[in-house]
Amino acid sequence: MIYQLRWKTEPGLRGLSCSDFSAACTAAPDNDRGVAVEFAGDAERDAFLKRLEEVFGPQRFSNNAAAFETVKAYVLEWAARRSGE
C-alpha cells in the first residue's frame, strides 16, 4: 500500500522540531507537496514511523523548508535503498 506521510513542525527554544509522524493510505501520492512511500504491511509502516520519531525528534531546524526537505530526503533515500535490495 502507498501511504502519504504527515508530521507536525513546531517551534521550540532551539529551533523547529518535527514530531507526530503518521501515514495515511492514498490512491493519489503527492511527492511534490508531501512524501509518499510504499510499505509492505502495517508492521513495516509502524516501525518506520517509530524510526522517524527517533531520528527527527531530537533534531532542530532553522525553518520549515529545511525541516520538510530533510525529512523528505530521508524517506526517499530509505525507499530507494529498500527497493534496491
N, C-alpha and C. Protein backbone atom coordinates (compact mmCIF):
# COMPACT_ATOMS: atom_id res chain seq x y z
N MET A 1 0.83 -1.18 0.00
CA MET A 1 0.00 0.00 0.00
C MET A 1 0.88 1.25 0.00
N ILE A 2 0.38 2.27 -0.64
CA ILE A 2 1.08 3.55 -0.67
C ILE A 2 0.47 4.46 0.39
N TYR A 3 1.35 5.11 1.14
CA TYR A 3 0.93 5.99 2.23
C TYR A 3 1.50 7.39 2.02
N GLN A 4 0.72 8.37 2.38
CA GLN A 4 1.18 9.76 2.41
C GLN A 4 1.61 10.04 3.84
N LEU A 5 2.84 10.46 4.01
CA LEU A 5 3.35 10.74 5.35
C LEU A 5 3.02 12.17 5.74
N ARG A 6 2.77 12.34 7.03
CA ARG A 6 2.50 13.66 7.61
C ARG A 6 3.23 13.77 8.93
N TRP A 7 3.50 15.00 9.33
CA TRP A 7 4.11 15.25 10.63
C TRP A 7 3.87 16.70 11.01
N LYS A 8 4.10 16.99 12.26
CA LYS A 8 3.97 18.36 12.77
C LYS A 8 5.36 18.98 12.85
N THR A 9 5.44 20.24 12.48
CA THR A 9 6.65 21.03 12.66
C THR A 9 6.29 22.15 13.61
N GLU A 10 6.94 22.14 14.78
CA GLU A 10 6.58 23.10 15.81
C GLU A 10 7.80 23.87 16.31
N PRO A 11 7.59 25.13 16.70
CA PRO A 11 8.70 25.93 17.21
C PRO A 11 9.12 25.49 18.61
N GLY A 12 10.39 25.67 18.89
CA GLY A 12 10.92 25.39 20.21
C GLY A 12 12.01 26.41 20.53
N LEU A 13 12.61 26.27 21.68
CA LEU A 13 13.63 27.23 22.10
C LEU A 13 14.88 27.18 21.21
N ARG A 14 15.20 26.02 20.67
CA ARG A 14 16.41 25.89 19.86
C ARG A 14 16.12 25.77 18.37
N GLY A 15 14.88 25.97 17.95
CA GLY A 15 14.50 25.87 16.55
C GLY A 15 13.28 25.01 16.37
N LEU A 16 12.95 24.73 15.13
CA LEU A 16 11.77 23.93 14.81
C LEU A 16 12.04 22.45 15.02
N SER A 17 11.04 21.73 15.47
CA SER A 17 11.16 20.29 15.65
C SER A 17 10.06 19.59 14.85
N CYS A 18 10.32 18.34 14.49
CA CYS A 18 9.35 17.51 13.77
C CYS A 18 8.90 16.39 14.70
N SER A 19 7.60 16.14 14.74
CA SER A 19 7.07 15.08 15.60
C SER A 19 5.71 14.63 15.08
N ASP A 20 5.12 13.68 15.78
CA ASP A 20 3.79 13.17 15.46
C ASP A 20 3.69 12.68 14.01
N PHE A 21 4.64 11.87 13.61
CA PHE A 21 4.64 11.31 12.26
C PHE A 21 3.47 10.34 12.12
N SER A 22 2.80 10.41 10.98
CA SER A 22 1.69 9.50 10.71
C SER A 22 1.68 9.17 9.22
N ALA A 23 0.92 8.14 8.87
CA ALA A 23 0.83 7.70 7.47
C ALA A 23 -0.63 7.39 7.16
N ALA A 24 -1.12 7.94 6.07
CA ALA A 24 -2.49 7.69 5.63
C ALA A 24 -2.47 7.05 4.25
N CYS A 25 -3.26 6.01 4.07
CA CYS A 25 -3.35 5.36 2.75
C CYS A 25 -3.78 6.39 1.72
N THR A 26 -3.21 6.27 0.51
CA THR A 26 -3.58 7.19 -0.55
C THR A 26 -3.60 6.49 -1.89
N ALA A 27 -4.52 6.91 -2.73
CA ALA A 27 -4.56 6.43 -4.10
C ALA A 27 -3.91 7.45 -5.03
N ALA A 28 -3.62 8.64 -4.50
CA ALA A 28 -3.02 9.72 -5.28
C ALA A 28 -1.81 10.28 -4.54
N PRO A 29 -0.66 9.59 -4.59
CA PRO A 29 0.52 10.07 -3.89
C PRO A 29 0.97 11.44 -4.39
N ASP A 30 1.44 12.27 -3.48
CA ASP A 30 1.86 13.63 -3.82
C ASP A 30 3.26 13.88 -3.27
N ASN A 31 4.28 13.60 -4.08
CA ASN A 31 5.66 13.84 -3.66
C ASN A 31 6.11 15.27 -3.94
N ASP A 32 5.28 16.08 -4.58
CA ASP A 32 5.63 17.48 -4.79
C ASP A 32 5.35 18.31 -3.54
N ARG A 33 4.25 18.02 -2.88
CA ARG A 33 3.88 18.78 -1.68
C ARG A 33 3.91 17.95 -0.43
N GLY A 34 4.36 16.72 -0.54
CA GLY A 34 4.41 15.83 0.61
C GLY A 34 5.38 14.69 0.34
N VAL A 35 5.24 13.65 1.10
CA VAL A 35 6.10 12.49 0.95
C VAL A 35 5.22 11.25 0.93
N ALA A 36 5.30 10.51 -0.16
CA ALA A 36 4.54 9.26 -0.29
C ALA A 36 5.52 8.11 -0.36
N VAL A 37 5.16 7.01 0.29
CA VAL A 37 6.04 5.85 0.32
C VAL A 37 5.19 4.59 0.40
N GLU A 38 5.74 3.50 -0.13
CA GLU A 38 5.03 2.23 -0.10
C GLU A 38 5.60 1.35 1.01
N PHE A 39 4.70 0.71 1.75
CA PHE A 39 5.10 -0.22 2.80
C PHE A 39 4.54 -1.59 2.50
N ALA A 40 5.28 -2.61 2.89
CA ALA A 40 4.85 -3.99 2.66
C ALA A 40 3.67 -4.36 3.56
N GLY A 41 3.57 -3.73 4.70
CA GLY A 41 2.48 -4.03 5.63
C GLY A 41 2.48 -3.09 6.80
N ASP A 42 1.54 -3.32 7.71
CA ASP A 42 1.40 -2.46 8.87
C ASP A 42 2.63 -2.46 9.77
N ALA A 43 3.25 -3.61 9.93
CA ALA A 43 4.43 -3.70 10.81
C ALA A 43 5.58 -2.86 10.27
N GLU A 44 5.80 -2.91 8.97
CA GLU A 44 6.87 -2.11 8.37
C GLU A 44 6.55 -0.62 8.49
N ARG A 45 5.31 -0.25 8.24
CA ARG A 45 4.89 1.14 8.37
C ARG A 45 5.10 1.65 9.79
N ASP A 46 4.62 0.88 10.77
CA ASP A 46 4.73 1.30 12.17
C ASP A 46 6.19 1.41 12.61
N ALA A 47 7.02 0.48 12.19
CA ALA A 47 8.44 0.52 12.54
C ALA A 47 9.11 1.74 11.91
N PHE A 48 8.73 2.08 10.68
CA PHE A 48 9.33 3.23 10.02
C PHE A 48 8.89 4.54 10.68
N LEU A 49 7.62 4.65 11.05
CA LEU A 49 7.16 5.85 11.75
C LEU A 49 7.89 6.02 13.08
N LYS A 50 8.11 4.92 13.78
CA LYS A 50 8.86 4.97 15.03
C LYS A 50 10.29 5.44 14.77
N ARG A 51 10.89 4.94 13.70
CA ARG A 51 12.25 5.35 13.35
C ARG A 51 12.31 6.84 13.03
N LEU A 52 11.31 7.35 12.32
CA LEU A 52 11.28 8.79 12.02
C LEU A 52 11.24 9.62 13.30
N GLU A 53 10.45 9.18 14.28
CA GLU A 53 10.39 9.89 15.56
C GLU A 53 11.75 9.87 16.24
N GLU A 54 12.44 8.74 16.19
CA GLU A 54 13.76 8.62 16.83
C GLU A 54 14.80 9.49 16.15
N VAL A 55 14.77 9.52 14.83
CA VAL A 55 15.77 10.28 14.07
C VAL A 55 15.51 11.78 14.16
N PHE A 56 14.27 12.18 13.96
CA PHE A 56 13.98 13.61 13.83
C PHE A 56 13.50 14.28 15.11
N GLY A 57 13.09 13.51 16.11
CA GLY A 57 12.66 14.11 17.37
C GLY A 57 13.70 15.02 17.99
N PRO A 58 14.97 14.58 18.07
CA PRO A 58 15.98 15.44 18.71
C PRO A 58 16.56 16.53 17.80
N GLN A 59 16.31 16.46 16.51
CA GLN A 59 16.88 17.45 15.59
C GLN A 59 16.11 18.76 15.64
N ARG A 60 16.81 19.85 15.35
CA ARG A 60 16.19 21.17 15.28
C ARG A 60 16.55 21.78 13.93
N PHE A 61 15.60 22.55 13.39
CA PHE A 61 15.76 23.14 12.07
C PHE A 61 15.55 24.64 12.15
N SER A 62 16.17 25.36 11.22
CA SER A 62 16.07 26.82 11.24
C SER A 62 14.79 27.33 10.59
N ASN A 63 14.19 26.51 9.70
CA ASN A 63 12.96 26.94 9.04
C ASN A 63 12.16 25.73 8.55
N ASN A 64 10.92 25.98 8.16
CA ASN A 64 10.04 24.90 7.71
C ASN A 64 10.57 24.18 6.48
N ALA A 65 11.12 24.94 5.55
CA ALA A 65 11.63 24.32 4.32
C ALA A 65 12.77 23.35 4.62
N ALA A 66 13.66 23.72 5.50
CA ALA A 66 14.78 22.84 5.86
C ALA A 66 14.26 21.57 6.52
N ALA A 67 13.29 21.71 7.39
CA ALA A 67 12.72 20.54 8.07
C ALA A 67 12.05 19.63 7.05
N PHE A 68 11.22 20.19 6.20
CA PHE A 68 10.50 19.39 5.21
C PHE A 68 11.46 18.67 4.27
N GLU A 69 12.42 19.39 3.72
CA GLU A 69 13.35 18.79 2.76
C GLU A 69 14.23 17.72 3.40
N THR A 70 14.60 17.89 4.65
CA THR A 70 15.42 16.90 5.34
C THR A 70 14.64 15.61 5.57
N VAL A 71 13.41 15.74 6.03
CA VAL A 71 12.58 14.55 6.24
C VAL A 71 12.29 13.88 4.90
N LYS A 72 11.94 14.66 3.90
CA LYS A 72 11.63 14.11 2.58
C LYS A 72 12.83 13.35 2.01
N ALA A 73 14.00 13.93 2.10
CA ALA A 73 15.21 13.26 1.59
C ALA A 73 15.46 11.95 2.33
N TYR A 74 15.28 11.94 3.63
CA TYR A 74 15.48 10.73 4.42
C TYR A 74 14.52 9.62 3.96
N VAL A 75 13.25 9.97 3.79
CA VAL A 75 12.24 8.99 3.39
C VAL A 75 12.54 8.46 1.99
N LEU A 76 12.85 9.35 1.06
CA LEU A 76 13.11 8.92 -0.31
C LEU A 76 14.38 8.08 -0.41
N GLU A 77 15.40 8.40 0.37
CA GLU A 77 16.62 7.58 0.40
C GLU A 77 16.32 6.20 0.97
N TRP A 78 15.51 6.15 2.03
CA TRP A 78 15.12 4.86 2.61
C TRP A 78 14.38 4.02 1.59
N ALA A 79 13.44 4.64 0.87
CA ALA A 79 12.66 3.92 -0.12
C ALA A 79 13.54 3.42 -1.26
N ALA A 80 14.50 4.21 -1.68
CA ALA A 80 15.41 3.81 -2.76
C ALA A 80 16.29 2.64 -2.32
N ARG A 81 16.81 2.70 -1.10
CA ARG A 81 17.64 1.58 -0.59
C ARG A 81 16.79 0.32 -0.49
N ARG A 82 15.58 0.45 -0.02
CA ARG A 82 14.70 -0.69 0.16
C ARG A 82 14.34 -1.33 -1.18
N SER A 83 14.09 -0.53 -2.19
CA SER A 83 13.72 -1.08 -3.50
C SER A 83 14.93 -1.67 -4.22
N GLY A 84 16.14 -1.27 -3.80
CA GLY A 84 17.35 -1.80 -4.40
C GLY A 84 17.80 -3.12 -3.80
N GLU A 85 17.17 -3.54 -2.72
CA GLU A 85 17.56 -4.78 -2.04
C GLU A 85 17.15 -5.99 -2.82
